[in-house]
Amino acid sequence: MTQKLHRDFGRIEGKIDAILENQNEFKQTFEKHDNRLKSLENHQMKTMGAIGLLVFALNWVVQFFTGNKHQ
């Protein structure tokens, strides 16, 4: 009976170790995806800001040369 308990506890310990290893792999994958997503979001915000600035500048140039002043 004692040998069976030791064997069963060994099997349970092995399964728990496998679960913890899988959890660590998932955590690493999640962190990689999170970092990539943050990078894409930052790039998107910079692009949107640059486009907004470009639209403002082009609008100002057009108004300056055409003499149209929208108030």
N, C-alpha and C. Protein backbone atom coordinates (compact mmCIF):
# COMPACT_ATOMS: atom_id res chain seq x y z
N MET A 1 0.82 -1.21 0.00
CA MET A 1 0.00 0.00 0.00
C MET A 1 0.86 1.26 0.00
N THR A 2 1.93 1.26 0.79
CA THR A 2 2.80 2.43 0.86
C THR A 2 3.47 2.70 -0.49
N GLN A 3 3.90 1.61 -1.16
CA GLN A 3 4.52 1.79 -2.48
C GLN A 3 3.53 2.38 -3.47
N LYS A 4 2.30 1.96 -3.40
CA LYS A 4 1.28 2.49 -4.31
C LYS A 4 1.05 3.97 -4.04
N LEU A 5 1.02 4.38 -2.77
CA LEU A 5 0.86 5.80 -2.44
C LEU A 5 2.03 6.62 -2.95
N HIS A 6 3.26 6.10 -2.75
CA HIS A 6 4.44 6.82 -3.25
C HIS A 6 4.39 6.95 -4.77
N ARG A 7 3.99 5.87 -5.44
CA ARG A 7 3.88 5.91 -6.91
C ARG A 7 2.81 6.91 -7.35
N ASP A 8 1.66 6.87 -6.67
CA ASP A 8 0.58 7.79 -7.02
C ASP A 8 0.97 9.24 -6.76
N PHE A 9 1.64 9.48 -5.62
CA PHE A 9 2.09 10.85 -5.34
C PHE A 9 3.13 11.30 -6.35
N GLY A 10 3.98 10.38 -6.80
CA GLY A 10 4.97 10.71 -7.84
C GLY A 10 4.29 11.07 -9.15
N ARG A 11 3.26 10.34 -9.50
CA ARG A 11 2.52 10.65 -10.72
C ARG A 11 1.84 12.02 -10.62
N ILE A 12 1.24 12.28 -9.46
CA ILE A 12 0.57 13.58 -9.25
C ILE A 12 1.60 14.70 -9.31
N GLU A 13 2.75 14.48 -8.68
CA GLU A 13 3.80 15.51 -8.70
C GLU A 13 4.27 15.76 -10.14
N GLY A 14 4.41 14.70 -10.92
CA GLY A 14 4.82 14.86 -12.31
C GLY A 14 3.79 15.64 -13.12
N LYS A 15 2.53 15.37 -12.87
CA LYS A 15 1.47 16.09 -13.59
C LYS A 15 1.44 17.56 -13.19
N ILE A 16 1.64 17.83 -11.92
CA ILE A 16 1.67 19.23 -11.46
C ILE A 16 2.86 19.95 -12.08
N ASP A 17 4.02 19.28 -12.14
CA ASP A 17 5.19 19.88 -12.77
C ASP A 17 4.92 20.21 -14.24
N ALA A 18 4.25 19.30 -14.94
CA ALA A 18 3.92 19.53 -16.35
C ALA A 18 2.97 20.71 -16.50
N ILE A 19 1.99 20.80 -15.60
CA ILE A 19 1.05 21.92 -15.65
C ILE A 19 1.78 23.24 -15.42
N LEU A 20 2.68 23.27 -14.43
CA LEU A 20 3.43 24.50 -14.15
C LEU A 20 4.33 24.89 -15.31
N GLU A 21 4.93 23.90 -15.97
CA GLU A 21 5.77 24.19 -17.14
C GLU A 21 4.94 24.78 -18.27
N ASN A 22 3.77 24.19 -18.52
CA ASN A 22 2.88 24.73 -19.56
C ASN A 22 2.42 26.13 -19.21
N GLN A 23 2.17 26.38 -17.94
CA GLN A 23 1.73 27.70 -17.51
C GLN A 23 2.85 28.73 -17.75
N ASN A 24 4.09 28.36 -17.47
CA ASN A 24 5.21 29.26 -17.71
C ASN A 24 5.39 29.56 -19.19
N GLU A 25 5.22 28.53 -20.03
CA GLU A 25 5.31 28.74 -21.48
C GLU A 25 4.20 29.68 -21.96
N PHE A 26 3.00 29.49 -21.45
CA PHE A 26 1.89 30.36 -21.81
C PHE A 26 2.17 31.80 -21.38
N LYS A 27 2.71 31.95 -20.17
CA LYS A 27 3.02 33.30 -19.66
C LYS A 27 4.04 33.99 -20.55
N GLN A 28 5.07 33.26 -20.98
CA GLN A 28 6.09 33.85 -21.86
C GLN A 28 5.48 34.25 -23.21
N THR A 29 4.63 33.40 -23.75
CA THR A 29 3.97 33.71 -25.02
C THR A 29 3.07 34.92 -24.86
N PHE A 30 2.33 34.99 -23.77
CA PHE A 30 1.45 36.12 -23.50
C PHE A 30 2.26 37.41 -23.40
N GLU A 31 3.39 37.37 -22.71
CA GLU A 31 4.23 38.57 -22.57
C GLU A 31 4.77 39.03 -23.92
N LYS A 32 5.16 38.08 -24.78
CA LYS A 32 5.63 38.44 -26.12
C LYS A 32 4.52 39.12 -26.92
N HIS A 33 3.33 38.54 -26.86
CA HIS A 33 2.20 39.12 -27.60
C HIS A 33 1.83 40.49 -27.03
N ASP A 34 1.87 40.63 -25.71
CA ASP A 34 1.55 41.91 -25.08
C ASP A 34 2.55 42.98 -25.51
N ASN A 35 3.83 42.64 -25.53
CA ASN A 35 4.85 43.61 -25.96
C ASN A 35 4.66 43.98 -27.42
N ARG A 36 4.34 43.01 -28.26
CA ARG A 36 4.12 43.30 -29.68
C ARG A 36 2.90 44.20 -29.87
N LEU A 37 1.84 43.92 -29.14
CA LEU A 37 0.63 44.73 -29.24
C LEU A 37 0.89 46.16 -28.78
N LYS A 38 1.63 46.33 -27.69
CA LYS A 38 1.98 47.67 -27.21
C LYS A 38 2.77 48.43 -28.28
N SER A 39 3.70 47.73 -28.92
CA SER A 39 4.52 48.35 -29.96
C SER A 39 3.64 48.79 -31.13
N LEU A 40 2.72 47.94 -31.55
CA LEU A 40 1.83 48.29 -32.66
C LEU A 40 0.92 49.48 -32.28
N GLU A 41 0.41 49.49 -31.05
CA GLU A 41 -0.44 50.59 -30.61
C GLU A 41 0.34 51.90 -30.58
N ASN A 42 1.58 51.86 -30.09
CA ASN A 42 2.41 53.08 -30.06
C ASN A 42 2.70 53.58 -31.48
N HIS A 43 3.00 52.66 -32.37
CA HIS A 43 3.26 53.03 -33.77
C HIS A 43 2.00 53.66 -34.39
N GLN A 44 0.85 53.09 -34.09
CA GLN A 44 -0.41 53.61 -34.63
C GLN A 44 -0.67 55.03 -34.12
N MET A 45 -0.44 55.27 -32.84
CA MET A 45 -0.68 56.60 -32.28
C MET A 45 0.28 57.63 -32.88
N LYS A 46 1.53 57.25 -33.08
CA LYS A 46 2.49 58.16 -33.70
C LYS A 46 2.09 58.47 -35.14
N THR A 47 1.63 57.45 -35.86
CA THR A 47 1.20 57.65 -37.24
C THR A 47 -0.02 58.57 -37.30
N MET A 48 -0.98 58.35 -36.41
CA MET A 48 -2.18 59.20 -36.38
C MET A 48 -1.81 60.65 -36.05
N GLY A 49 -0.88 60.85 -35.13
CA GLY A 49 -0.43 62.20 -34.79
C GLY A 49 0.26 62.87 -35.96
N ALA A 50 1.09 62.12 -36.66
CA ALA A 50 1.80 62.68 -37.82
C ALA A 50 0.82 63.04 -38.93
N ILE A 51 -0.18 62.20 -39.16
CA ILE A 51 -1.19 62.50 -40.18
C ILE A 51 -1.98 63.74 -39.80
N GLY A 52 -2.35 63.86 -38.53
CA GLY A 52 -3.08 65.05 -38.07
C GLY A 52 -2.27 66.31 -38.27
N LEU A 53 -1.00 66.24 -37.93
CA LEU A 53 -0.12 67.40 -38.11
C LEU A 53 0.04 67.75 -39.58
N LEU A 54 0.18 66.74 -40.43
CA LEU A 54 0.31 66.96 -41.86
C LEU A 54 -0.95 67.61 -42.44
N VAL A 55 -2.12 67.13 -42.04
CA VAL A 55 -3.38 67.71 -42.51
C VAL A 55 -3.49 69.16 -42.08
N PHE A 56 -3.13 69.44 -40.83
CA PHE A 56 -3.17 70.82 -40.34
C PHE A 56 -2.23 71.71 -41.15
N ALA A 57 -1.00 71.22 -41.39
CA ALA A 57 -0.02 72.03 -42.12
C ALA A 57 -0.46 72.26 -43.57
N LEU A 58 -0.98 71.21 -44.22
CA LEU A 58 -1.42 71.38 -45.60
C LEU A 58 -2.62 72.33 -45.69
N ASN A 59 -3.51 72.25 -44.76
CA ASN A 59 -4.66 73.16 -44.72
C ASN A 59 -4.18 74.60 -44.56
N TRP A 60 -3.20 74.81 -43.70
CA TRP A 60 -2.67 76.16 -43.48
C TRP A 60 -2.00 76.68 -44.75
N VAL A 61 -1.23 75.82 -45.43
CA VAL A 61 -0.54 76.24 -46.66
C VAL A 61 -1.56 76.58 -47.74
N VAL A 62 -2.59 75.77 -47.90
CA VAL A 62 -3.61 76.04 -48.91
C VAL A 62 -4.31 77.36 -48.61
N GLN A 63 -4.67 77.59 -47.37
CA GLN A 63 -5.34 78.85 -46.99
C GLN A 63 -4.41 80.02 -47.21
N PHE A 64 -3.12 79.86 -46.93
CA PHE A 64 -2.18 80.97 -47.08
C PHE A 64 -2.04 81.38 -48.56
N PHE A 65 -1.95 80.40 -49.45
CA PHE A 65 -1.75 80.72 -50.86
C PHE A 65 -3.02 81.06 -51.60
N THR A 66 -4.16 80.59 -51.14
CA THR A 66 -5.40 80.91 -51.83
C THR A 66 -6.08 82.13 -51.24
N GLY A 67 -5.68 82.52 -50.07
CA GLY A 67 -6.28 83.67 -49.45
C GLY A 67 -7.61 83.36 -48.77
N ASN A 68 -8.03 82.11 -48.80
CA ASN A 68 -9.29 81.72 -48.14
C ASN A 68 -9.03 81.56 -46.64
N LYS A 69 -9.78 82.33 -45.88
CA LYS A 69 -9.64 82.24 -44.44
C LYS A 69 -10.99 81.79 -43.88
N HIS A 70 -11.04 80.57 -43.38
CA HIS A 70 -12.26 80.04 -42.77
C HIS A 70 -12.28 80.42 -41.31
N GLN A 71 -13.37 81.03 -40.90
CA GLN A 71 -13.44 81.45 -39.49
C GLN A 71 -14.55 80.74 -38.79
